């Protein structure tokens, strides 16, 4: 058995699908895109071919403001492979100004409940990972 250290595993990288390609094209352009129903006018996320509110197939991709608030979170102390150097880190549910919620990571804030009040104003930031650019969220006042 070899005692040589193994290379650290790489961070997971999402694989765009035809349904999610407009979302990933948006992040590559520095835009956070969500879908909006032309029938009922409501925004939704995760990407899908029909509105989850009214069932209409008449949906379009729109650019969100990138402003959000912290809805919920968990502080992860047992990282997934590739994230060992970042633990602990914050996995959050953020509520976009458009009314949809999405899961992401928080950056630019300590992984400490004292610094994570619910309804904390956030803004989207982007991190290149492999071939995709991930939307992450930071406190709105941080630049």
Protein backbone atom coordinates (compact mmCIF):
# COMPACT_ATOMS: atom_id res chain seq x y z
CA UNK A 1 0.00 0.00 0.00
CA UNK A 2 1.43 3.37 -0.98
CA UNK A 3 1.83 6.05 1.66
CA UNK A 4 2.00 8.81 -0.98
CA UNK A 5 -0.72 11.36 -0.50
CA UNK A 6 -3.54 11.36 -2.97
CA UNK A 7 -4.42 14.55 -4.78
CA UNK A 8 -7.31 16.42 -3.23
CA UNK A 9 -10.62 15.78 -4.99
CA UNK A 10 -11.87 18.55 -7.20
CA UNK A 11 -14.94 20.54 -6.29
CA UNK A 12 -18.10 19.34 -7.96
CA UNK A 13 -19.07 21.26 -11.08
CA UNK A 14 -22.69 21.42 -12.29
CA UNK A 15 -23.42 20.04 -15.75
CA UNK A 16 -25.79 22.22 -17.76
CA UNK A 17 -28.73 20.50 -19.45
CA UNK A 18 -30.91 21.87 -22.25
CA UNK A 19 -33.42 23.09 -19.63
CA UNK A 20 -30.75 24.80 -17.49
CA UNK A 21 -28.49 26.13 -20.30
CA UNK A 22 -30.05 29.68 -20.26
CA UNK A 23 -29.38 29.90 -16.51
CA UNK A 24 -25.70 28.93 -16.94
CA UNK A 25 -25.28 31.19 -19.97
CA UNK A 26 -26.55 34.01 -17.75
CA UNK A 27 -24.11 33.31 -14.95
CA UNK A 28 -21.27 33.24 -17.48
CA UNK A 29 -22.40 36.74 -18.54
CA UNK A 30 -22.56 37.93 -14.91
CA UNK A 31 -26.36 37.78 -14.80
CA UNK A 32 -28.68 35.82 -12.52
CA UNK A 33 -31.52 34.55 -14.70
CA UNK A 34 -34.81 33.03 -13.58
CA UNK A 35 -37.93 32.09 -15.46
CA UNK A 36 -41.11 34.15 -15.57
CA UNK A 37 -44.51 32.95 -16.71
CA UNK A 38 -46.10 35.10 -19.42
CA UNK A 39 -49.50 33.73 -18.39
CA UNK A 40 -49.65 34.59 -14.69
CA UNK A 41 -46.59 36.86 -14.48
CA UNK A 42 -44.93 34.97 -11.61
CA UNK A 43 -41.23 34.16 -11.42
CA UNK A 44 -39.97 30.68 -10.59
CA UNK A 45 -36.82 28.71 -10.03
CA UNK A 46 -35.57 25.85 -10.64
CA UNK A 47 -35.71 25.76 -14.46
CA UNK A 48 -38.58 23.82 -16.02
CA UNK A 49 -40.67 23.92 -19.19
CA UNK A 50 -43.98 24.94 -17.55
CA UNK A 51 -45.07 27.36 -14.85
CA UNK A 52 -45.49 25.60 -11.47
CA UNK A 53 -48.15 28.15 -10.49
CA UNK A 54 -50.60 28.03 -13.41
CA UNK A 55 -49.27 25.28 -15.68
CA UNK A 56 -48.67 27.54 -18.69
CA UNK A 57 -45.91 26.55 -21.07
CA UNK A 58 -45.49 30.19 -22.10
CA UNK A 59 -42.39 30.97 -20.03
CA UNK A 60 -39.40 33.22 -20.61
CA UNK A 61 -35.98 33.76 -19.08
CA UNK A 62 -35.48 37.15 -17.41
CA UNK A 63 -32.54 38.74 -15.62
CA UNK A 64 -33.12 39.03 -11.88
CA UNK A 65 -31.87 42.03 -9.92
CA UNK A 66 -29.44 39.87 -7.94
CA UNK A 67 -30.79 41.29 -4.68
CA UNK A 68 -31.96 38.79 -2.09
CA UNK A 69 -32.47 38.17 1.61
CA UNK A 70 -31.35 35.29 3.78
CA UNK A 71 -34.31 32.97 4.32
CA UNK A 72 -32.62 30.03 6.04
CA UNK A 73 -29.20 28.44 6.36
CA UNK A 74 -27.07 25.67 7.77
CA UNK A 75 -23.42 25.90 8.72
CA UNK A 76 -21.65 22.88 7.26
CA UNK A 77 -18.76 21.61 9.36
CA UNK A 78 -18.36 18.31 7.46
CA UNK A 79 -17.50 19.38 3.93
CA UNK A 80 -18.07 17.46 0.76
CA UNK A 81 -14.98 16.29 -1.16
CA UNK A 82 -13.13 19.27 -2.56
CA UNK A 83 -14.39 21.67 0.11
CA UNK A 84 -12.18 20.55 3.01
CA UNK A 85 -10.20 23.81 3.08
CA UNK A 86 -13.35 25.90 3.28
CA UNK A 87 -15.09 24.34 6.30
CA UNK A 88 -17.07 25.58 8.00
CA UNK A 89 -19.16 27.23 5.29
CA UNK A 90 -22.72 28.46 4.94
CA UNK A 91 -25.30 26.72 2.75
CA UNK A 92 -28.27 29.06 2.42
CA UNK A 93 -31.76 29.39 1.05
CA UNK A 94 -32.00 32.92 -0.29
CA UNK A 95 -35.16 34.68 -1.37
CA UNK A 96 -34.66 36.78 -4.47
CA UNK A 97 -36.34 40.15 -4.81
CA UNK A 98 -38.47 38.51 -7.53
CA UNK A 99 -39.98 36.20 -4.89
CA UNK A 100 -38.28 32.92 -5.72
CA UNK A 101 -36.02 30.99 -3.41
CA UNK A 102 -32.82 29.25 -4.37
CA UNK A 103 -30.08 27.35 -2.59
CA UNK A 104 -26.56 28.73 -2.73
CA UNK A 105 -23.53 29.41 -0.57
CA UNK A 106 -22.88 32.60 1.38
CA UNK A 107 -19.48 34.23 1.07
CA UNK A 108 -17.93 37.29 2.67
CA UNK A 109 -19.52 36.62 6.06
CA UNK A 110 -18.31 34.44 8.97
CA UNK A 111 -19.94 31.03 9.31
CA UNK A 112 -21.34 32.08 12.69
CA UNK A 113 -25.03 32.53 13.59
CA UNK A 114 -24.18 35.89 15.18
CA UNK A 115 -23.37 37.20 11.68
CA UNK A 116 -26.30 35.52 9.90
CA UNK A 117 -29.56 37.18 10.89
CA UNK A 118 -32.55 36.02 8.88
CA UNK A 119 -33.63 38.62 6.29
CA UNK A 120 -29.98 39.74 5.94
CA UNK A 121 -29.80 41.76 2.69
CA UNK A 122 -27.68 39.92 0.11
CA UNK A 123 -26.39 40.41 -3.42
CA UNK A 124 -25.31 37.88 -5.99
CA UNK A 125 -21.63 37.39 -6.77
CA UNK A 126 -20.17 34.90 -9.22
CA UNK A 127 -17.38 32.34 -8.92
CA UNK A 128 -15.88 30.52 -11.88
CA UNK A 129 -15.66 26.79 -11.31
CA UNK A 130 -14.52 24.68 -14.21
CA UNK A 131 -16.65 25.47 -17.24
CA UNK A 132 -19.46 27.16 -15.29
CA UNK A 133 -19.83 30.28 -13.22
CA UNK A 134 -21.69 29.75 -9.94
CA UNK A 135 -24.01 32.31 -8.34
CA UNK A 136 -23.10 32.82 -4.69
CA UNK A 137 -24.42 35.45 -2.28
CA UNK A 138 -22.64 38.00 -0.10
CA UNK A 139 -23.94 40.61 2.35
CA UNK A 140 -25.31 43.52 0.33
CA UNK A 141 -23.05 46.09 1.99
CA UNK A 142 -19.87 44.04 1.26
CA UNK A 143 -18.05 45.03 -1.92
